[in-house]
Protein backbone atom coordinates (compact mmCIF):
# COMPACT_ATOMS: atom_id res chain seq x y z
CA MET A 1 0.06 0.16 -0.30
CA THR A 2 2.21 2.95 -1.02
CA ASP A 3 0.34 4.62 -4.02
CA THR A 4 -0.51 7.74 -2.99
CA VAL A 5 -4.31 7.04 -1.72
CA GLY A 6 -2.92 4.79 0.63
CA GLU A 7 -0.12 6.54 2.36
CA THR A 8 -2.50 9.36 2.37
CA ALA A 9 -4.63 7.29 4.78
CA LEU A 10 -1.79 5.95 6.04
CA TRP A 11 -0.29 9.58 7.32
CA THR A 12 -3.63 10.09 9.04
CA LEU A 13 -4.06 7.30 10.78
CA TYR A 14 -0.06 7.01 12.25
CA HIS A 15 -0.57 11.00 12.99
CA ARG A 16 -3.77 10.11 15.00
CA SER A 17 -2.00 7.87 16.73
CA LEU A 18 1.08 10.04 17.86
CA ALA A 19 -1.73 12.42 18.80
CA VAL A 20 -3.20 9.63 21.05
CA ARG A 21 0.12 9.41 22.68
CA ASP A 22 0.33 13.11 23.51
CA PRO A 23 -1.79 14.09 26.26
CA GLU A 24 -1.68 17.69 25.16
CA CYS A 25 -4.01 17.20 22.57
CA GLY A 26 -6.74 15.73 23.87
CA LEU A 27 -7.88 12.83 21.74
CA ALA A 28 -9.04 9.15 22.87
CA ASP A 29 -8.18 6.88 20.18
CA PRO A 30 -6.82 3.71 20.91
CA LYS A 31 -8.07 1.97 17.71
CA ALA A 32 -5.67 4.48 16.16
CA ILE A 33 -2.90 3.03 18.04
CA GLU A 34 -4.17 -0.50 17.57
CA VAL A 35 -4.71 -0.22 13.88
CA VAL A 36 -0.74 1.43 13.81
CA GLU A 37 1.14 -1.43 16.07
CA ALA A 38 -0.94 -4.10 13.82
CA LEU A 39 0.12 -3.19 10.61
CA ASP A 40 3.44 -4.10 9.19
CA TYR A 41 4.62 -0.74 7.42
CA PRO A 42 7.65 1.74 8.61
CA PHE A 43 5.33 4.78 9.37
CA ALA A 44 8.47 6.39 11.19
CA GLN A 45 10.82 5.77 8.71
CA ARG A 46 8.32 7.14 6.03
CA PHE A 47 6.68 9.96 7.64
CA GLY A 48 9.30 10.93 10.45
CA THR A 49 9.16 10.97 13.95
CA ASP A 50 9.21 15.32 14.88
CA ASN A 51 5.45 15.23 13.79
CA ARG A 52 3.90 17.20 16.91
CA GLY A 53 2.25 19.51 14.81
CA TRP A 54 1.15 16.89 12.71
CA ALA A 55 -0.27 15.13 15.32
CA ARG A 56 -2.14 18.57 16.85
CA GLY A 57 -3.95 19.51 13.14
CA MET A 58 -4.85 15.75 13.31
CA ALA A 59 -5.99 16.16 16.93
CA VAL A 60 -8.15 19.61 16.36
CA ARG A 61 -9.71 18.43 12.97
CA ALA A 62 -11.01 14.62 14.58
CA ARG A 63 -12.37 16.73 17.63
CA CYS A 64 -13.66 19.44 15.16
CA TYR A 65 -15.90 16.58 13.43
CA ASP A 66 -16.38 14.05 16.26
CA ARG A 67 -17.75 16.89 17.93
CA GLU A 68 -20.51 17.60 14.88
CA VAL A 69 -21.33 13.58 15.13
CA ARG A 70 -21.69 13.60 18.16
CA VAL A 71 -24.65 16.69 18.16
CA PHE A 72 -26.37 15.08 15.02
CA LEU A 73 -26.91 11.56 17.49
CA ALA A 74 -27.92 13.87 20.20
CA ARG A 75 -30.44 14.44 17.99
CA HIS A 76 -30.27 11.26 16.12
CA PRO A 77 -29.36 8.49 17.81
CA ARG A 78 -30.48 6.26 15.85
CA GLY A 79 -29.34 8.20 12.72
CA THR A 80 -27.48 7.12 9.71
CA VAL A 81 -24.06 8.50 9.46
CA VAL A 82 -22.31 7.86 5.67
CA CYS A 83 -18.56 7.89 5.50
CA LEU A 84 -17.15 8.53 2.10
CA GLY A 85 -13.98 7.21 1.79
CA GLU A 86 -13.33 6.52 5.53
CA GLY A 87 -10.21 4.34 4.41
CA LEU A 88 -8.40 3.89 7.67
CA GLU A 89 -10.58 6.42 9.32
CA THR A 90 -11.09 5.29 13.41
CA GLN A 91 -13.75 7.59 14.05
CA PHE A 92 -17.08 4.83 14.28
CA TRP A 93 -14.88 4.01 17.48
CA ARG A 94 -14.60 7.58 18.76
CA VAL A 95 -18.48 8.46 18.67
CA ASP A 96 -20.25 4.95 18.64
CA ASN A 97 -23.04 5.41 20.63
CA GLY A 98 -24.65 1.76 20.04
CA MET A 99 -27.35 2.79 17.86
CA VAL A 100 -25.85 4.55 15.16
CA GLN A 101 -25.70 3.08 11.47
CA TRP A 102 -22.90 3.46 10.05
CA THR A 103 -22.15 3.86 6.37
CA PRO A 104 -19.04 3.63 4.50
CA ILE A 105 -19.17 4.25 1.11
CA ARG A 106 -15.44 2.99 -0.08
CA HIS A 107 -14.20 4.58 -3.83
CA PRO A 108 -11.94 1.76 -5.92
CA HIS A 109 -8.70 2.02 -5.54
CA PRO A 110 -7.08 3.49 -8.24
CA ALA A 111 -3.79 1.57 -7.78
CA SER A 112 -5.56 -1.82 -7.62
CA GLY A 113 -8.11 -1.17 -10.73
CA GLY A 114 -10.67 -3.12 -8.34
CA PRO A 115 -14.32 -2.65 -8.10
CA ALA A 116 -16.63 -0.25 -6.02
CA GLY A 117 -16.62 -1.11 -2.66
CA ALA A 118 -13.23 -1.99 -2.02
CA ASP A 119 -10.91 -0.98 0.92
CA CYS A 120 -8.24 1.88 0.40
């Protein structure tokens, strides 16, 4: 998974996992750490280790989107959340209320030419 789309998903996942490890970022996302640790990918070699600014940016971004989803789910507990091209996103595990209908819409992987619905 070294194409541009795949690396973008890996990059954001990696920086969210770094944000979780930084208590000043205020992001609770243990699934991001779990996925990073499970993947056989040279994250630090590929993306670097001095990424505090990027990690904080990912934390702010994630918290903002999570807040909006939580507001929606507070009004519509059984609502449907449609995620476009979520790839390696871990938002579901951060905002799941046990009733939400989570619907990922995946685009075809451009490098594989795979069918729509293939994971990024």
